[in-house]
Amino acid sequence: MLERYGMSFLGGAVGGGLFAGIDIWNNGFHDKTLNDELTYLVKNHKTEDILNELDKYHKKGKLGNTNLSINTETVTDVDGNSKKVFTTAKEGE
Protein backbone atom coordinates (compact mmCIF):
# COMPACT_ATOMS: atom_id res chain seq x y z
CA MET A 1 0.00 0.00 0.00
CA LEU A 2 2.90 2.34 0.75
CA GLU A 3 4.22 1.72 -2.76
CA ARG A 4 0.94 2.87 -4.27
CA TYR A 5 0.92 6.16 -2.34
CA GLY A 6 4.61 6.67 -3.03
CA MET A 7 4.11 6.25 -6.77
CA SER A 8 1.11 8.61 -6.72
CA PHE A 9 3.17 11.22 -4.90
CA LEU A 10 6.11 10.81 -7.30
CA GLY A 11 3.85 10.93 -10.36
CA GLY A 12 2.10 14.05 -9.10
CA ALA A 13 5.38 15.81 -8.33
CA VAL A 14 6.91 15.01 -11.71
CA GLY A 15 3.70 15.68 -13.64
CA GLY A 16 3.06 18.98 -11.87
CA GLY A 17 6.57 20.21 -12.60
CA LEU A 18 6.35 19.02 -16.18
CA PHE A 19 3.10 20.85 -16.88
CA ALA A 20 4.42 24.04 -15.28
CA GLY A 21 7.49 23.76 -17.51
CA ILE A 22 5.32 23.30 -20.60
CA ASP A 23 3.35 26.47 -19.76
CA ILE A 24 6.59 28.43 -19.41
CA TRP A 25 7.91 26.98 -22.66
CA ASN A 26 4.71 27.83 -24.59
CA ASN A 27 4.22 31.31 -23.12
CA GLY A 28 7.86 32.36 -22.88
CA PHE A 29 9.77 33.67 -19.93
CA HIS A 30 8.45 36.95 -18.60
CA ASP A 31 10.75 39.60 -17.26
CA LYS A 32 9.74 40.93 -13.85
CA THR A 33 10.53 44.50 -14.94
CA LEU A 34 7.83 44.63 -17.60
CA ASN A 35 5.63 46.97 -15.57
CA ASP A 36 8.58 49.26 -14.90
CA GLU A 37 9.45 49.38 -18.60
CA LEU A 38 5.88 50.14 -19.62
CA THR A 39 5.64 52.85 -16.99
CA TYR A 40 8.90 54.37 -18.22
CA LEU A 41 7.69 54.38 -21.85
CA VAL A 42 4.36 55.98 -20.97
CA LYS A 43 5.96 58.63 -18.73
CA ASN A 44 8.36 59.56 -21.53
CA HIS A 45 5.58 59.93 -24.13
CA LYS A 46 6.51 56.74 -26.01
CA THR A 47 2.97 55.37 -26.20
CA GLU A 48 3.19 55.45 -30.00
CA ASP A 49 6.01 52.88 -29.80
CA ILE A 50 3.84 50.61 -27.66
CA LEU A 51 0.90 50.93 -30.05
CA ASN A 52 3.13 50.20 -33.07
CA GLU A 53 4.46 47.07 -31.39
CA LEU A 54 0.94 45.91 -30.52
CA ASP A 55 -0.11 46.54 -34.12
CA LYS A 56 2.72 44.29 -35.34
CA TYR A 57 1.53 41.51 -33.02
CA HIS A 58 -2.08 42.04 -34.15
CA LYS A 59 -1.12 41.73 -37.83
CA LYS A 60 0.73 38.49 -37.08
CA GLY A 61 -2.34 37.12 -35.26
CA LYS A 62 -0.53 36.81 -31.93
CA LEU A 63 -3.06 38.76 -29.86
CA GLY A 64 -5.85 36.23 -30.07
CA ASN A 65 -8.16 34.51 -32.51
CA THR A 66 -8.34 36.44 -35.78
CA ASN A 67 -11.54 34.69 -36.90
CA LEU A 68 -13.78 36.36 -34.32
CA SER A 69 -16.14 39.12 -35.33
CA ILE A 70 -18.63 41.49 -33.75
CA ASN A 71 -20.58 41.76 -36.98
CA THR A 72 -24.07 40.32 -36.85
CA GLU A 73 -26.77 39.67 -39.36
CA THR A 74 -30.38 38.62 -38.98
CA VAL A 75 -31.25 35.19 -40.34
CA THR A 76 -34.82 34.02 -40.89
CA ASP A 77 -35.57 30.31 -40.90
CA VAL A 78 -38.28 28.47 -42.83
CA ASP A 79 -40.90 29.05 -40.10
CA GLY A 80 -40.36 32.82 -40.21
CA ASN A 81 -38.41 33.00 -36.95
CA SER A 82 -35.54 35.42 -37.08
CA LYS A 83 -32.44 35.57 -34.93
CA LYS A 84 -29.13 37.40 -34.90
CA VAL A 85 -26.01 35.42 -35.75
CA PHE A 86 -22.35 36.43 -35.68
CA THR A 87 -20.59 36.39 -39.02
CA THR A 88 -17.02 35.26 -39.52
CA ALA A 89 -14.49 38.07 -39.69
CA LYS A 90 -13.01 38.81 -43.05
CA GLU A 91 -9.27 39.27 -43.37
CA GLY A 92 -8.21 42.71 -42.19
CA GLU A 93 -11.26 43.43 -39.99
C-alpha atoms as a PDB file:
ATOM      1  CA  MET A   1       0.000   0.000   0.000  1.00  0.00           C
ATOM      2  CA  LEU A   2       2.899   2.337   0.752  1.00  0.00           C
ATOM      3  CA  GLU A   3       4.223   1.724  -2.764  1.00  0.00           C
ATOM      4  CA  ARG A   4       0.936   2.865  -4.267  1.00  0.00           C
ATOM      5  CA  TYR A   5       0.924   6.156  -2.341  1.00  0.00           C
ATOM      6  CA  GLY A   6       4.605   6.665  -3.033  1.00  0.00           C
ATOM      7  CA  MET A   7       4.114   6.252  -6.771  1.00  0.00           C
ATOM      8  CA  SER A   8       1.108   8.605  -6.719  1.00  0.00           C
ATOM      9  CA  PHE A   9       3.169  11.220  -4.898  1.00  0.00           C
ATOM     10  CA  LEU A  10       6.105  10.815  -7.296  1.00  0.00           C
ATOM     11  CA  GLY A  11       3.855  10.928 -10.360  1.00  0.00           C
ATOM     12  CA  GLY A  12       2.104  14.050  -9.100  1.00  0.00           C
ATOM     13  CA  ALA A  13       5.377  15.809  -8.326  1.00  0.00           C
ATOM     14  CA  VAL A  14       6.906  15.007 -11.706  1.00  0.00           C
ATOM     15  CA  GLY A  15       3.700  15.682 -13.635  1.00  0.00           C
ATOM     16  CA  GLY A  16       3.060  18.983 -11.871  1.00  0.00           C
ATOM     17  CA  GLY A  17       6.571  20.205 -12.602  1.00  0.00           C
ATOM     18  CA  LEU A  18       6.353  19.023 -16.180  1.00  0.00           C
ATOM     19  CA  PHE A  19       3.100  20.845 -16.877  1.00  0.00           C
ATOM     20  CA  ALA A  20       4.421  24.041 -15.278  1.00  0.00           C
ATOM     21  CA  GLY A  21       7.489  23.760 -17.509  1.00  0.00           C
ATOM     22  CA  ILE A  22       5.320  23.302 -20.603  1.00  0.00           C
ATOM     23  CA  ASP A  23       3.353  26.465 -19.760  1.00  0.00           C
ATOM     24  CA  ILE A  24       6.588  28.432 -19.406  1.00  0.00           C
ATOM     25  CA  TRP A  25       7.911  26.975 -22.665  1.00  0.00           C
ATOM     26  CA  ASN A  26       4.715  27.832 -24.587  1.00  0.00           C
ATOM     27  CA  ASN A  27       4.222  31.308 -23.118  1.00  0.00           C
ATOM     28  CA  GLY A  28       7.856  32.357 -22.877  1.00  0.00           C
ATOM     29  CA  PHE A  29       9.766  33.675 -19.927  1.00  0.00           C
ATOM     30  CA  HIS A  30       8.449  36.952 -18.597  1.00  0.00           C
ATOM     31  CA  ASP A  31      10.750  39.602 -17.256  1.00  0.00           C
ATOM     32  CA  LYS A  32       9.736  40.931 -13.851  1.00  0.00           C
ATOM     33  CA  THR A  33      10.532  44.501 -14.938  1.00  0.00           C
ATOM     34  CA  LEU A  34       7.826  44.628 -17.602  1.00  0.00           C
ATOM     35  CA  ASN A  35       5.626  46.971 -15.568  1.00  0.00           C
ATOM     36  CA  ASP A  36       8.583  49.260 -14.903  1.00  0.00           C
ATOM     37  CA  GLU A  37       9.454  49.378 -18.604  1.00  0.00           C
ATOM     38  CA  LEU A  38       5.875  50.135 -19.619  1.00  0.00           C
ATOM     39  CA  THR A  39       5.638  52.855 -16.986  1.00  0.00           C
ATOM     40  CA  TYR A  40       8.900  54.371 -18.224  1.00  0.00           C
ATOM     41  CA  LEU A  41       7.687  54.382 -21.848  1.00  0.00           C
ATOM     42  CA  VAL A  42       4.358  55.985 -20.967  1.00  0.00           C
ATOM     43  CA  LYS A  43       5.956  58.631 -18.729  1.00  0.00           C
ATOM     44  CA  ASN A  44       8.357  59.559 -21.530  1.00  0.00           C
ATOM     45  CA  HIS A  45       5.580  59.930 -24.127  1.00  0.00           C
ATOM     46  CA  LYS A  46       6.513  56.741 -26.007  1.00  0.00           C
ATOM     47  CA  THR A  47       2.975  55.369 -26.199  1.00  0.00           C
ATOM     48  CA  GLU A  48       3.193  55.449 -30.000  1.00  0.00           C
ATOM     49  CA  ASP A  49       6.009  52.885 -29.803  1.00  0.00           C
ATOM     50  CA  ILE A  50       3.840  50.608 -27.663  1.00  0.00           C
ATOM     51  CA  LEU A  51       0.901  50.928 -30.052  1.00  0.00           C
ATOM     52  CA  ASN A  52       3.128  50.204 -33.071  1.00  0.00           C
ATOM     53  CA  GLU A  53       4.458  47.069 -31.392  1.00  0.00           C
ATOM     54  CA  LEU A  54       0.936  45.912 -30.522  1.00  0.00           C
ATOM     55  CA  ASP A  55      -0.112  46.541 -34.125  1.00  0.00           C
ATOM     56  CA  LYS A  56       2.718  44.294 -35.338  1.00  0.00           C
ATOM     57  CA  TYR A  57       1.527  41.513 -33.025  1.00  0.00           C
ATOM     58  CA  HIS A  58      -2.076  42.042 -34.150  1.00  0.00           C
ATOM     59  CA  LYS A  59      -1.121  41.733 -37.828  1.00  0.00           C
ATOM     60  CA  LYS A  60       0.735  38.486 -37.084  1.00  0.00           C
ATOM     61  CA  GLY A  61      -2.339  37.120 -35.262  1.00  0.00           C
ATOM     62  CA  LYS A  62      -0.529  36.805 -31.929  1.00  0.00           C
ATOM     63  CA  LEU A  63      -3.059  38.756 -29.856  1.00  0.00           C
ATOM     64  CA  GLY A  64      -5.855  36.226 -30.072  1.00  0.00           C
ATOM     65  CA  ASN A  65      -8.160  34.509 -32.514  1.00  0.00           C
ATOM     66  CA  THR A  66      -8.344  36.436 -35.781  1.00  0.00           C
ATOM     67  CA  ASN A  67     -11.539  34.689 -36.900  1.00  0.00           C
ATOM     68  CA  LEU A  68     -13.779  36.360 -34.322  1.00  0.00           C
ATOM     69  CA  SER A  69     -16.145  39.119 -35.334  1.00  0.00           C
ATOM     70  CA  ILE A  70     -18.627  41.489 -33.745  1.00  0.00           C
ATOM     71  CA  ASN A  71     -20.584  41.763 -36.978  1.00  0.00           C
ATOM     72  CA  THR A  72     -24.069  40.316 -36.849  1.00  0.00           C
ATOM     73  CA  GLU A  73     -26.771  39.666 -39.363  1.00  0.00           C
ATOM     74  CA  THR A  74     -30.375  38.618 -38.983  1.00  0.00           C
ATOM     75  CA  VAL A  75     -31.252  35.193 -40.339  1.00  0.00           C
ATOM     76  CA  THR A  76     -34.821  34.016 -40.888  1.00  0.00           C
ATOM     77  CA  ASP A  77     -35.569  30.310 -40.895  1.00  0.00           C
ATOM     78  CA  VAL A  78     -38.284  28.475 -42.826  1.00  0.00           C
ATOM     79  CA  ASP A  79     -40.897  29.054 -40.097  1.00  0.00           C
ATOM     80  CA  GLY A  80     -40.358  32.820 -40.214  1.00  0.00           C
ATOM     81  CA  ASN A  81     -38.411  32.996 -36.949  1.00  0.00           C
ATOM     82  CA  SER A  82     -35.540  35.418 -37.076  1.00  0.00           C
ATOM     83  CA  LYS A  83     -32.440  35.566 -34.931  1.00  0.00           C
ATOM     84  CA  LYS A  84     -29.130  37.404 -34.902  1.00  0.00           C
ATOM     85  CA  VAL A  85     -26.008  35.422 -35.750  1.00  0.00           C
ATOM     86  CA  PHE A  86     -22.352  36.429 -35.679  1.00  0.00           C
ATOM     87  CA  THR A  87     -20.589  36.389 -39.017  1.00  0.00           C
ATOM     88  CA  THR A  88     -17.015  35.256 -39.515  1.00  0.00           C
ATOM     89  CA  ALA A  89     -14.494  38.067 -39.686  1.00  0.00           C
ATOM     90  CA  LYS A  90     -13.007  38.807 -43.050  1.00  0.00           C
ATOM     91  CA  GLU A  91      -9.265  39.268 -43.365  1.00  0.00           C
ATOM     92  CA  GLY A  92      -8.209  42.715 -42.192  1.00  0.00           C
ATOM     93  CA  GLU A  93     -11.264  43.429 -39.991  1.00  0.00           C
END
